[in-house]
Full PDB file with SEQRES, HELIX, SHEET, SSBOND, CRYST1, ORIGX, SCALE, CONECT and MASTER records, all heavy atoms in Angstrom:
SEQRES   1 A   41  VAL PRO GLU GLU THR LEU ILE SER VAL HIS ASP LEU PHE          
SEQRES   2 A   41  GLN ALA CYS ASN GLN ALA ARG TYR SER ARG HIS SER SER          
SEQRES   3 A   41  ASN GLU GLN LEU ILE SER LEU ILE PRO THR VAL GLU THR          
SEQRES   4 A   41  THR LEU                                                      
HELIX    1 AA1 GLU A    3  TYR A   21  1                                  19    
HELIX    2 AA2 ASN A   27  THR A   40  1                                  14    
CRYST1    1.000    1.000    1.000  90.00  90.00  90.00 P 1           1          
ORIGX1      1.000000  0.000000  0.000000        0.00000                         
ORIGX2      0.000000  1.000000  0.000000        0.00000                         
ORIGX3      0.000000  0.000000  1.000000        0.00000                         
SCALE1      1.000000  0.000000  0.000000        0.00000                         
SCALE2      0.000000  1.000000  0.000000        0.00000                         
SCALE3      0.000000  0.000000  1.000000        0.00000                         
ATOM      1  N   VAL A   1       0.855  -1.187   0.000  1.00  0.00           N  
ATOM      2  CA  VAL A   1       0.000   0.000   0.000  1.00  0.00           C  
ATOM      3  C   VAL A   1       0.895   1.244   0.000  1.00  0.00           C  
ATOM      4  O   VAL A   1       1.921   1.279   0.691  1.00  0.00           O  
ATOM      5  CB  VAL A   1      -0.926  -0.013   1.241  1.00  0.00           C  
ATOM      6  CG1 VAL A   1      -1.764   1.249   1.303  1.00  0.00           C  
ATOM      7  CG2 VAL A   1      -1.822  -1.247   1.197  1.00  0.00           C  
ATOM      8  N   PRO A   2       0.561   2.267  -0.771  1.00  0.00           N  
ATOM      9  CA  PRO A   2       1.412   3.469  -0.807  1.00  0.00           C  
ATOM     10  C   PRO A   2       1.670   4.037   0.592  1.00  0.00           C  
ATOM     11  O   PRO A   2       0.796   4.019   1.461  1.00  0.00           O  
ATOM     12  CB  PRO A   2       0.591   4.440  -1.671  1.00  0.00           C  
ATOM     13  CG  PRO A   2      -0.261   3.563  -2.535  1.00  0.00           C  
ATOM     14  CD  PRO A   2      -0.583   2.367  -1.708  1.00  0.00           C  
ATOM     15  N   GLU A   3       2.898   4.539   0.768  1.00  0.00           N  
ATOM     16  CA  GLU A   3       3.290   5.062   2.079  1.00  0.00           C  
ATOM     17  C   GLU A   3       2.407   6.228   2.499  1.00  0.00           C  
ATOM     18  O   GLU A   3       2.094   6.399   3.673  1.00  0.00           O  
ATOM     19  CB  GLU A   3       4.760   5.514   2.013  1.00  0.00           C  
ATOM     20  CG  GLU A   3       5.347   5.933   3.346  1.00  0.00           C  
ATOM     21  CD  GLU A   3       5.463   4.757   4.305  1.00  0.00           C  
ATOM     22  OE1 GLU A   3       5.545   3.607   3.836  1.00  0.00           O  
ATOM     23  OE2 GLU A   3       5.489   4.997   5.521  1.00  0.00           O  
ATOM     24  N   GLU A   4       1.987   7.016   1.517  1.00  0.00           N  
ATOM     25  CA  GLU A   4       1.112   8.157   1.846  1.00  0.00           C  
ATOM     26  C   GLU A   4      -0.194   7.680   2.482  1.00  0.00           C  
ATOM     27  O   GLU A   4      -0.668   8.258   3.453  1.00  0.00           O  
ATOM     28  CB  GLU A   4       0.815   8.937   0.569  1.00  0.00           C  
ATOM     29  CG  GLU A   4      -0.125  10.131   0.783  1.00  0.00           C  
ATOM     30  CD  GLU A   4      -0.479  10.819  -0.521  1.00  0.00           C  
ATOM     31  OE1 GLU A   4       0.029  10.378  -1.578  1.00  0.00           O  
ATOM     32  OE2 GLU A   4      -1.256  11.775  -0.488  1.00  0.00           O  
ATOM     33  N   THR A   5      -0.737   6.589   1.950  1.00  0.00           N  
ATOM     34  CA  THR A   5      -1.978   6.041   2.513  1.00  0.00           C  
ATOM     35  C   THR A   5      -1.740   5.491   3.909  1.00  0.00           C  
ATOM     36  O   THR A   5      -2.546   5.682   4.823  1.00  0.00           O  
ATOM     37  CB  THR A   5      -2.533   4.945   1.599  1.00  0.00           C  
ATOM     38  OG1 THR A   5      -2.745   5.482   0.288  1.00  0.00           O  
ATOM     39  CG2 THR A   5      -3.861   4.412   2.140  1.00  0.00           C  
ATOM     40  N   LEU A   6      -0.633   4.772   4.113  1.00  0.00           N  
ATOM     41  CA  LEU A   6      -0.327   4.219   5.429  1.00  0.00           C  
ATOM     42  C   LEU A   6      -0.202   5.324   6.474  1.00  0.00           C  
ATOM     43  O   LEU A   6      -0.715   5.213   7.590  1.00  0.00           O  
ATOM     44  CB  LEU A   6       0.964   3.396   5.374  1.00  0.00           C  
ATOM     45  CG  LEU A   6       0.944   2.145   4.480  1.00  0.00           C  
ATOM     46  CD1 LEU A   6       2.300   1.485   4.479  1.00  0.00           C  
ATOM     47  CD2 LEU A   6      -0.124   1.165   4.947  1.00  0.00           C  
ATOM     48  N   ILE A   7       0.512   6.389   6.118  1.00  0.00           N  
ATOM     49  CA  ILE A   7       0.696   7.497   7.067  1.00  0.00           C  
ATOM     50  C   ILE A   7      -0.652   8.153   7.384  1.00  0.00           C  
ATOM     51  O   ILE A   7      -0.957   8.480   8.540  1.00  0.00           O  
ATOM     52  CB  ILE A   7       1.696   8.523   6.502  1.00  0.00           C  
ATOM     53  CG1 ILE A   7       3.090   7.893   6.377  1.00  0.00           C  
ATOM     54  CG2 ILE A   7       1.751   9.767   7.384  1.00  0.00           C  
ATOM     55  CD1 ILE A   7       4.114   8.797   5.731  1.00  0.00           C  
ATOM     56  N   SER A   8      -1.487   8.322   6.357  1.00  0.00           N  
ATOM     57  CA  SER A   8      -2.787   8.957   6.582  1.00  0.00           C  
ATOM     58  C   SER A   8      -3.667   8.107   7.490  1.00  0.00           C  
ATOM     59  O   SER A   8      -4.302   8.611   8.408  1.00  0.00           O  
ATOM     60  CB  SER A   8      -3.478   9.195   5.248  1.00  0.00           C  
ATOM     61  OG  SER A   8      -4.721   9.810   5.445  1.00  0.00           O  
ATOM     62  N   VAL A   9      -3.689   6.773   7.241  1.00  0.00           N  
ATOM     63  CA  VAL A   9      -4.474   5.880   8.096  1.00  0.00           C  
ATOM     64  C   VAL A   9      -3.954   5.896   9.525  1.00  0.00           C  
ATOM     65  O   VAL A   9      -4.719   5.957  10.491  1.00  0.00           O  
ATOM     66  CB  VAL A   9      -4.455   4.446   7.525  1.00  0.00           C  
ATOM     67  CG1 VAL A   9      -5.121   3.478   8.495  1.00  0.00           C  
ATOM     68  CG2 VAL A   9      -5.168   4.397   6.183  1.00  0.00           C  
ATOM     69  N   HIS A  10      -2.634   5.857   9.668  1.00  0.00           N  
ATOM     70  CA  HIS A  10      -2.036   5.877  11.012  1.00  0.00           C  
ATOM     71  C   HIS A  10      -2.387   7.166  11.749  1.00  0.00           C  
ATOM     72  O   HIS A  10      -2.747   7.157  12.932  1.00  0.00           O  
ATOM     73  CB  HIS A  10      -0.525   5.714  10.885  1.00  0.00           C  
ATOM     74  CG  HIS A  10       0.209   5.798  12.199  1.00  0.00           C  
ATOM     75  ND1 HIS A  10       0.667   6.983  12.725  1.00  0.00           N  
ATOM     76  CD2 HIS A  10       0.510   4.844  13.108  1.00  0.00           C  
ATOM     77  CE1 HIS A  10       1.244   6.755  13.883  1.00  0.00           C  
ATOM     78  NE2 HIS A  10       1.181   5.460  14.134  1.00  0.00           N  
ATOM     79  N   ASP A  11      -2.291   8.298  11.038  1.00  0.00           N  
ATOM     80  CA  ASP A  11      -2.593   9.584  11.686  1.00  0.00           C  
ATOM     81  C   ASP A  11      -4.055   9.652  12.108  1.00  0.00           C  
ATOM     82  O   ASP A  11      -4.379  10.196  13.179  1.00  0.00           O  
ATOM     83  CB  ASP A  11      -2.271  10.744  10.735  1.00  0.00           C  
ATOM     84  CG  ASP A  11      -0.764  10.894  10.507  1.00  0.00           C  
ATOM     85  OD1 ASP A  11       0.009  10.314  11.311  1.00  0.00           O  
ATOM     86  OD2 ASP A  11      -0.367  11.555   9.538  1.00  0.00           O  
ATOM     87  N   LEU A  12      -4.971   9.111  11.297  1.00  0.00           N  
ATOM     88  CA  LEU A  12      -6.381   9.142  11.671  1.00  0.00           C  
ATOM     89  C   LEU A  12      -6.655   8.266  12.880  1.00  0.00           C  
ATOM     90  O   LEU A  12      -7.429   8.629  13.777  1.00  0.00           O  
ATOM     91  CB  LEU A  12      -7.247   8.690  10.492  1.00  0.00           C  
ATOM     92  CG  LEU A  12      -7.351   9.673   9.314  1.00  0.00           C  
ATOM     93  CD1 LEU A  12      -8.159   9.069   8.183  1.00  0.00           C  
ATOM     94  CD2 LEU A  12      -7.972  10.992   9.772  1.00  0.00           C  
ATOM     95  N   PHE A  13      -6.027   7.081  12.942  1.00  0.00           N  
ATOM     96  CA  PHE A  13      -6.179   6.232  14.128  1.00  0.00           C  
ATOM     97  C   PHE A  13      -5.646   6.952  15.365  1.00  0.00           C  
ATOM     98  O   PHE A  13      -6.246   6.899  16.446  1.00  0.00           O  
ATOM     99  CB  PHE A  13      -5.442   4.908  13.941  1.00  0.00           C  
ATOM    100  CG  PHE A  13      -6.269   3.852  13.274  1.00  0.00           C  
ATOM    101  CD1 PHE A  13      -5.864   3.248  12.103  1.00  0.00           C  
ATOM    102  CD2 PHE A  13      -7.483   3.460  13.821  1.00  0.00           C  
ATOM    103  CE1 PHE A  13      -6.627   2.269  11.489  1.00  0.00           C  
ATOM    104  CE2 PHE A  13      -8.256   2.486  13.224  1.00  0.00           C  
ATOM    105  CZ  PHE A  13      -7.825   1.899  12.047  1.00  0.00           C  
ATOM    106  N   GLN A  14      -4.491   7.598  15.235  1.00  0.00           N  
ATOM    107  CA  GLN A  14      -3.925   8.328  16.367  1.00  0.00           C  
ATOM    108  C   GLN A  14      -4.854   9.454  16.811  1.00  0.00           C  
ATOM    109  O   GLN A  14      -5.055   9.680  18.012  1.00  0.00           O  
ATOM    110  CB  GLN A  14      -2.548   8.899  15.975  1.00  0.00           C  
ATOM    111  CG  GLN A  14      -1.454   7.862  15.801  1.00  0.00           C  
ATOM    112  CD  GLN A  14      -1.038   7.257  17.124  1.00  0.00           C  
ATOM    113  OE1 GLN A  14      -1.104   7.922  18.153  1.00  0.00           O  
ATOM    114  NE2 GLN A  14      -0.638   6.008  17.117  1.00  0.00           N  
ATOM    115  N   ALA A  15      -5.428  10.169  15.846  1.00  0.00           N  
ATOM    116  CA  ALA A  15      -6.339  11.271  16.195  1.00  0.00           C  
ATOM    117  C   ALA A  15      -7.575  10.749  16.934  1.00  0.00           C  
ATOM    118  O   ALA A  15      -8.042  11.353  17.889  1.00  0.00           O  
ATOM    119  CB  ALA A  15      -6.744  12.031  14.931  1.00  0.00           C  
ATOM    120  N   CYS A  16      -8.100   9.601  16.495  1.00  0.00           N  
ATOM    121  CA  CYS A  16      -9.261   9.025  17.171  1.00  0.00           C  
ATOM    122  C   CYS A  16      -8.921   8.597  18.588  1.00  0.00           C  
ATOM    123  O   CYS A  16      -9.700   8.814  19.525  1.00  0.00           O  
ATOM    124  CB  CYS A  16      -9.788   7.829  16.384  1.00  0.00           C  
ATOM    125  SG  CYS A  16     -10.496   8.261  14.776  1.00  0.00           S  
ATOM    126  N   ASN A  17      -7.747   7.974  18.788  1.00  0.00           N  
ATOM    127  CA  ASN A  17      -7.352   7.539  20.130  1.00  0.00           C  
ATOM    128  C   ASN A  17      -7.127   8.728  21.057  1.00  0.00           C  
ATOM    129  O   ASN A  17      -7.517   8.729  22.220  1.00  0.00           O  
ATOM    130  CB  ASN A  17      -6.084   6.681  20.052  1.00  0.00           C  
ATOM    131  CG  ASN A  17      -6.337   5.333  19.409  1.00  0.00           C  
ATOM    132  OD1 ASN A  17      -7.452   4.820  19.485  1.00  0.00           O  
ATOM    133  ND2 ASN A  17      -5.333   4.758  18.772  1.00  0.00           N  
ATOM    134  N   GLN A  18      -6.447   9.775  20.534  1.00  0.00           N  
ATOM    135  CA  GLN A  18      -6.178  10.936  21.384  1.00  0.00           C  
ATOM    136  C   GLN A  18      -7.456  11.704  21.703  1.00  0.00           C  
ATOM    137  O   GLN A  18      -7.577  12.290  22.774  1.00  0.00           O  
ATOM    138  CB  GLN A  18      -5.183  11.856  20.677  1.00  0.00           C  
ATOM    139  CG  GLN A  18      -3.779  11.250  20.535  1.00  0.00           C  
ATOM    140  CD  GLN A  18      -2.840  12.153  19.757  1.00  0.00           C  
ATOM    141  OE1 GLN A  18      -3.217  13.246  19.369  1.00  0.00           O  
ATOM    142  NE2 GLN A  18      -1.622  11.688  19.541  1.00  0.00           N  
ATOM    143  N   ALA A  19      -8.430  11.683  20.784  1.00  0.00           N  
ATOM    144  CA  ALA A  19      -9.658  12.451  21.020  1.00  0.00           C  
ATOM    145  C   ALA A  19     -10.504  11.877  22.136  1.00  0.00           C  
ATOM    146  O   ALA A  19     -11.348  12.559  22.692  1.00  0.00           O  
ATOM    147  CB  ALA A  19     -10.485  12.500  19.728  1.00  0.00           C  
ATOM    148  N   ARG A  20     -10.282  10.593  22.499  1.00  0.00           N  
ATOM    149  CA  ARG A  20     -11.105   9.999  23.556  1.00  0.00           C  
ATOM    150  C   ARG A  20     -10.811  10.598  24.921  1.00  0.00           C  
ATOM    151  O   ARG A  20     -11.684  10.698  25.774  1.00  0.00           O  
ATOM    152  CB  ARG A  20     -10.873   8.490  23.611  1.00  0.00           C  
ATOM    153  CG  ARG A  20     -11.340   7.747  22.370  1.00  0.00           C  
ATOM    154  CD  ARG A  20     -11.107   6.259  22.516  1.00  0.00           C  
ATOM    155  NE  ARG A  20     -11.515   5.523  21.316  1.00  0.00           N  
ATOM    156  CZ  ARG A  20     -11.402   4.213  21.166  1.00  0.00           C  
ATOM    157  NH1 ARG A  20     -10.919   3.485  22.158  1.00  0.00           N  
ATOM    158  NH2 ARG A  20     -11.778   3.623  20.054  1.00  0.00           N  
ATOM    159  N   TYR A  21      -9.563  10.973  25.150  1.00  0.00           N  
ATOM    160  CA  TYR A  21      -9.170  11.377  26.505  1.00  0.00           C  
ATOM    161  C   TYR A  21      -8.466  12.742  26.529  1.00  0.00           C  
ATOM    162  O   TYR A  21      -7.884  13.118  27.535  1.00  0.00           O  
ATOM    163  CB  TYR A  21      -8.254  10.316  27.112  1.00  0.00           C  
ATOM    164  CG  TYR A  21      -8.834   8.944  26.998  1.00  0.00           C  
ATOM    165  CD1 TYR A  21      -8.338   8.023  26.090  1.00  0.00           C  
ATOM    166  CD2 TYR A  21      -9.943   8.571  27.773  1.00  0.00           C  
ATOM    167  CE1 TYR A  21      -8.904   6.764  25.958  1.00  0.00           C  
ATOM    168  CE2 TYR A  21     -10.507   7.326  27.656  1.00  0.00           C  
ATOM    169  CZ  TYR A  21      -9.983   6.425  26.754  1.00  0.00           C  
ATOM    170  OH  TYR A  21     -10.535   5.192  26.639  1.00  0.00           O  
ATOM    171  N   SER A  22      -8.454  13.454  25.421  1.00  0.00           N  
ATOM    172  CA  SER A  22      -7.891  14.795  25.409  1.00  0.00           C  
ATOM    173  C   SER A  22      -9.019  15.784  25.227  1.00  0.00           C  
ATOM    174  O   SER A  22     -10.179  15.425  25.016  1.00  0.00           O  
ATOM    175  CB  SER A  22      -6.858  14.927  24.285  1.00  0.00           C  
ATOM    176  OG  SER A  22      -7.471  14.689  23.029  1.00  0.00           O  
ATOM    177  N   ARG A  23      -8.701  17.056  25.288  1.00  0.00           N  
ATOM    178  CA  ARG A  23      -9.726  18.070  25.120  1.00  0.00           C  
ATOM    179  C   ARG A  23     -10.283  18.028  23.690  1.00  0.00           C  
ATOM    180  O   ARG A  23      -9.597  17.629  22.748  1.00  0.00           O  
ATOM    181  CB  ARG A  23      -9.155  19.460  25.410  1.00  0.00           C  
ATOM    182  CG  ARG A  23      -8.085  19.914  24.412  1.00  0.00           C  
ATOM    183  CD  ARG A  23      -7.538  21.278  24.776  1.00  0.00           C  
ATOM    184  NE  ARG A  23      -6.584  21.759  23.794  1.00  0.00           N  
ATOM    185  CZ  ARG A  23      -6.908  22.408  22.704  1.00  0.00           C  
ATOM    186  NH1 ARG A  23      -8.178  22.657  22.455  1.00  0.00           N  
ATOM    187  NH2 ARG A  23      -5.989  22.820  21.842  1.00  0.00           N  
ATOM    188  N   HIS A  24     -11.516  18.446  23.559  1.00  0.00           N  
ATOM    189  CA  HIS A  24     -12.200  18.327  22.275  1.00  0.00           C  
ATOM    190  C   HIS A  24     -11.658  19.340  21.266  1.00  0.00           C  
ATOM    191  O   HIS A  24     -11.222  20.445  21.612  1.00  0.00           O  
ATOM    192  CB  HIS A  24     -13.702  18.540  22.460  1.00  0.00           C  
ATOM    193  CG  HIS A  24     -14.331  17.416  23.224  1.00  0.00           C  
ATOM    194  ND1 HIS A  24     -15.619  17.477  23.713  1.00  0.00           N  
ATOM    195  CD2 HIS A  24     -13.836  16.210  23.572  1.00  0.00           C  
ATOM    196  CE1 HIS A  24     -15.899  16.350  24.336  1.00  0.00           C  
ATOM    197  NE2 HIS A  24     -14.831  15.573  24.266  1.00  0.00           N  
ATOM    198  N   SER A  25     -11.707  18.961  19.977  1.00  0.00           N  
ATOM    199  CA  SER A  25     -11.272  19.844  18.910  1.00  0.00           C  
ATOM    200  C   SER A  25     -12.353  20.888  18.639  1.00  0.00           C  
ATOM    201  O   SER A  25     -13.511  20.720  18.986  1.00  0.00           O  
ATOM    202  CB  SER A  25     -10.978  19.032  17.648  1.00  0.00           C  
ATOM    203  OG  SER A  25     -10.033  18.014  17.898  1.00  0.00           O  
ATOM    204  N   SER A  26     -11.945  21.957  17.953  1.00  0.00           N  
ATOM    205  CA  SER A  26     -12.883  23.015  17.624  1.00  0.00           C  
ATOM    206  C   SER A  26     -13.682  22.637  16.389  1.00  0.00           C  
ATOM    207  O   SER A  26     -13.378  21.671  15.675  1.00  0.00           O  
ATOM    208  CB  SER A  26     -12.123  24.329  17.375  1.00  0.00           C  
ATOM    209  OG  SER A  26     -11.259  24.190  16.264  1.00  0.00           O  
ATOM    210  N   ASN A  27     -14.711  23.452  16.127  1.00  0.00           N  
ATOM    211  CA  ASN A  27     -15.572  23.208  14.972  1.00  0.00           C  
ATOM    212  C   ASN A  27     -14.777  23.292  13.675  1.00  0.00           C  
ATOM    213  O   ASN A  27     -14.950  22.471  12.772  1.00  0.00           O  
ATOM    214  CB  ASN A  27     -16.710  24.233  14.997  1.00  0.00           C  
ATOM    215  CG  ASN A  27     -17.640  24.063  13.809  1.00  0.00           C  
ATOM    216  OD1 ASN A  27     -17.393  24.598  12.740  1.00  0.00           O  
ATOM    217  ND2 ASN A  27     -18.704  23.311  14.002  1.00  0.00           N  
ATOM    218  N   GLU A  28     -13.879  24.271  13.557  1.00  0.00           N  
ATOM    219  CA  GLU A  28     -13.091  24.424  12.335  1.00  0.00           C  
ATOM    220  C   GLU A  28     -12.144  23.254  12.125  1.00  0.00           C  
ATOM    221  O   GLU A  28     -11.932  22.792  10.994  1.00  0.00           O  
ATOM    222  CB  GLU A  28     -12.287  25.734  12.386  1.00  0.00           C  
ATOM    223  CG  GLU A  28     -13.139  27.000  12.328  1.00  0.00           C  
ATOM    224  CD  GLU A  28     -13.829  27.303  13.654  1.00  0.00           C  
ATOM    225  OE1 GLU A  28     -13.511  26.609  14.645  1.00  0.00           O  
ATOM    226  OE2 GLU A  28     -14.677  28.206  13.701  1.00  0.00           O  
ATOM    227  N   GLN A  29     -11.554  22.711  13.211  1.00  0.00           N  
ATOM    228  CA  GLN A  29     -10.643  21.577  13.074  1.00  0.00           C  
ATOM    229  C   GLN A  29     -11.386  20.340  12.582  1.00  0.00           C  
ATOM    230  O   GLN A  29     -10.862  19.577  11.757  1.00  0.00           O  
ATOM    231  CB  GLN A  29      -9.973  21.290  14.417  1.00  0.00           C  
ATOM    232  CG  GLN A  29      -8.970  22.369  14.845  1.00  0.00           C  
ATOM    233  CD  GLN A  29      -8.408  22.117  16.232  1.00  0.00           C  
ATOM    234  OE1 GLN A  29      -9.082  21.528  17.072  1.00  0.00           O  
ATOM    235  NE2 GLN A  29      -7.196  22.578  16.462  1.00  0.00           N  
ATOM    236  N   LEU A  30     -12.608  20.128  13.085  1.00  0.00           N  
ATOM    237  CA  LEU A  30     -13.368  18.955  12.640  1.00  0.00           C  
ATOM    238  C   LEU A  30     -13.735  19.077  11.170  1.00  0.00           C  
ATOM    239  O   LEU A  30     -13.620  18.107  10.413  1.00  0.00           O  
ATOM    240  CB  LEU A  30     -14.627  18.810  13.497  1.00  0.00           C  
ATOM    241  CG  LEU A  30     -14.415  18.566  15.003  1.00  0.00           C  
ATOM    242  CD1 LEU A  30     -15.752  18.436  15.706  1.00  0.00           C  
ATOM    243  CD2 LEU A  30     -13.580  17.316  15.232  1.00  0.00           C  
ATOM    244  N   ILE A  31     -14.175  20.282  10.748  1.00  0.00           N  
ATOM    245  CA  ILE A  31     -14.564  20.465   9.345  1.00  0.00           C  
ATOM    246  C   ILE A  31     -13.363  20.284   8.428  1.00  0.00           C  
ATOM    247  O   ILE A  31     -13.450  19.674   7.358  1.00  0.00           O  
ATOM    248  CB  ILE A  31     -15.216  21.846   9.165  1.00  0.00           C  
ATOM    249  CG1 ILE A  31     -16.541  21.913   9.958  1.00  0.00           C  
ATOM    250  CG2 ILE A  31     -15.465  22.140   7.695  1.00  0.00           C  
ATOM    251  CD1 ILE A  31     -17.209  23.258   9.922  1.00  0.00           C  
ATOM    252  N   SER A  32     -12.190  20.795   8.851  1.00  0.00           N  
ATOM    253  CA  SER A  32     -10.989  20.677   8.013  1.00  0.00           C  
ATOM    254  C   SER A  32     -10.496  19.251   7.904  1.00  0.00           C  
ATOM    255  O   SER A  32      -9.754  18.919   6.970  1.00  0.00           O  
ATOM    256  CB  SER A  32      -9.888  21.563   8.586  1.00  0.00           C  
ATOM    257  OG  SER A  32      -9.492  21.112   9.881  1.00  0.00           O  
ATOM    258  N   LEU A  33     -10.883  18.374   8.820  1.00  0.00           N  
ATOM    259  CA  LEU A  33     -10.418  16.983   8.782  1.00  0.00           C  
ATOM    260  C   LEU A  33     -11.250  16.114   7.846  1.00  0.00           C  
ATOM    261  O   LEU A  33     -10.802  15.035   7.444  1.00  0.00           O  
ATOM    262  CB  LEU A  33     -10.445  16.396  10.196  1.00  0.00           C  
ATOM    263  CG  LEU A  33      -9.777  15.036  10.418  1.00  0.00           C  
ATOM    264  CD1 LEU A  33      -8.304  15.098  10.050  1.00  0.00           C  
ATOM    265  CD2 LEU A  33      -9.951  14.584  11.852  1.00  0.00           C  
ATOM    266  N   ILE A  34     -12.451  16.577   7.467  1.00  0.00           N  
ATOM    267  CA  ILE A  34     -13.339  15.756   6.638  1.00  0.00           C  
ATOM    268  C   ILE A  34     -12.725  15.434   5.278  1.00  0.00           C  
ATOM    269  O   ILE A  34     -12.765  14.281   4.832  1.00  0.00           O  
ATOM    270  CB  ILE A  34     -14.706  16.446   6.495  1.00  0.00           C  
ATOM    271  CG1 ILE A  34     -15.418  16.488   7.858  1.00  0.00           C  
ATOM    272  CG2 ILE A  34     -15.584  15.732   5.467  1.00  0.00           C  
ATOM    273  CD1 ILE A  34     -16.743  17.191   7.831  1.00  0.00           C  
ATOM    274  N   PRO A  35     -12.109  16.416   4.533  1.00  0.00           N  
ATOM    275  CA  PRO A  35     -11.488  16.039   3.239  1.00  0.00           C  
ATOM    276  C   PRO A  35     -10.412  14.978   3.389  1.00  0.00           C  
ATOM    277  O   PRO A  35     -10.278  14.107   2.530  1.00  0.00           O  
ATOM    278  CB  PRO A  35     -10.923  17.371   2.737  1.00  0.00           C  
ATOM    279  CG  PRO A  35     -11.745  18.422   3.417  1.00  0.00           C  
ATOM    280  CD  PRO A  35     -12.058  17.883   4.760  1.00  0.00           C  
ATOM    281  N   THR A  36      -9.637  15.021   4.477  1.00  0.00           N  
ATOM    282  CA  THR A  36      -8.612  13.993   4.691  1.00  0.00           C  
ATOM    283  C   THR A  36      -9.247  12.624   4.868  1.00  0.00           C  
ATOM    284  O   THR A  36      -8.759  11.625   4.328  1.00  0.00           O  
ATOM    285  CB  THR A  36      -7.769  14.355   5.925  1.00  0.00           C  
ATOM    286  OG1 THR A  36      -7.203  15.654   5.750  1.00  0.00           O  
ATOM    287  CG2 THR A  36      -6.659  13.336   6.128  1.00  0.00           C  
ATOM    288  N   VAL A  37     -10.355  12.562   5.617  1.00  0.00           N  
ATOM    289  CA  VAL A  37     -11.034  11.286   5.812  1.00  0.00           C  
ATOM    290  C   VAL A  37     -11.560  10.749   4.486  1.00  0.00           C  
ATOM    291  O   VAL A  37     -11.413   9.563   4.161  1.00  0.00           O  
ATOM    292  CB  VAL A  37     -12.179  11.441   6.831  1.00  0.00           C  
ATOM    293  CG1 VAL A  37     -12.954  10.141   6.977  1.00  0.00           C  
ATOM    294  CG2 VAL A  37     -11.636  11.884   8.185  1.00  0.00           C  
ATOM    295  N   GLU A  38     -12.170  11.636   3.667  1.00  0.00           N  
ATOM    296  CA  GLU A  38     -12.700  11.187   2.384  1.00  0.00           C  
ATOM    297  C   GLU A  38     -11.593  10.685   1.465  1.00  0.00           C  
ATOM    298  O   GLU A  38     -11.723   9.635   0.824  1.00  0.00           O  
ATOM    299  CB  GLU A  38     -13.459  12.336   1.718  1.00  0.00           C  
ATOM    300  CG  GLU A  38     -14.728  12.753   2.439  1.00  0.00           C  
ATOM    301  CD  GLU A  38     -15.440  13.897   1.764  1.00  0.00           C  
ATOM    302  OE1 GLU A  38     -14.778  14.633   1.006  1.00  0.00           O  
ATOM    303  OE2 GLU A  38     -16.642  14.071   1.966  1.00  0.00           O  
ATOM    304  N   THR A  39     -10.481  11.428   1.404  1.00  0.00           N  
ATOM    305  CA  THR A  39      -9.363  11.005   0.548  1.00  0.00           C  
ATOM    306  C   THR A  39      -8.805   9.669   1.000  1.00  0.00           C  
ATOM    307  O   THR A  39      -8.530   8.780   0.185  1.00  0.00           O  
ATOM    308  CB  THR A  39      -8.263  12.077   0.576  1.00  0.00           C  
ATOM    309  OG1 THR A  39      -8.819  13.334   0.151  1.00  0.00           O  
ATOM    310  CG2 THR A  39      -7.125  11.699  -0.348  1.00  0.00           C  
ATOM    311  N   THR A  40      -8.643   9.495   2.306  1.00  0.00           N  
ATOM    312  CA  THR A  40      -8.088   8.232   2.827  1.00  0.00           C  
ATOM    313  C   THR A  40      -9.009   7.068   2.525  1.00  0.00           C  
ATOM    314  O   THR A  40      -8.555   5.986   2.129  1.00  0.00           O  
ATOM    315  CB  THR A  40      -7.864   8.351   4.340  1.00  0.00           C  
ATOM    316  OG1 THR A  40      -7.016   9.472   4.615  1.00  0.00           O  
ATOM    317  CG2 THR A  40      -7.214   7.086   4.885  1.00  0.00           C  
ATOM    318  N   LEU A  41     -10.319   7.245   2.712  1.00  0.00           N  
ATOM    319  CA  LEU A  41     -11.262   6.156   2.410  1.00  0.00           C  
ATOM    320  C   LEU A  41     -11.251   5.801   0.930  1.00  0.00           C  
ATOM    321  O   LEU A  41     -11.343   4.622   0.557  1.00  0.00           O  
ATOM    322  CB  LEU A  41     -12.667   6.554   2.849  1.00  0.00           C  
ATOM    323  CG  LEU A  41     -12.886   6.697   4.369  1.00  0.00           C  
ATOM    324  CD1 LEU A  41     -14.283   7.232   4.667  1.00  0.00           C  
ATOM    325  CD2 LEU A  41     -12.682   5.361   5.074  1.00  0.00           C  
TER     326      LEU A  41                                                      
MASTER        0    0    0    2    0    0    0    6  325    1    0    4          
END                                                                             
């Protein structure tokens, strides 16, 4: 699998794990993350 895809998947998993027990992200941060999720999927 391309390295770019692996890094993107890893970063999304890390973001999900950190979001469970860290302070919540802002509205703008969540909206800006949606294109990354769509591209990775």
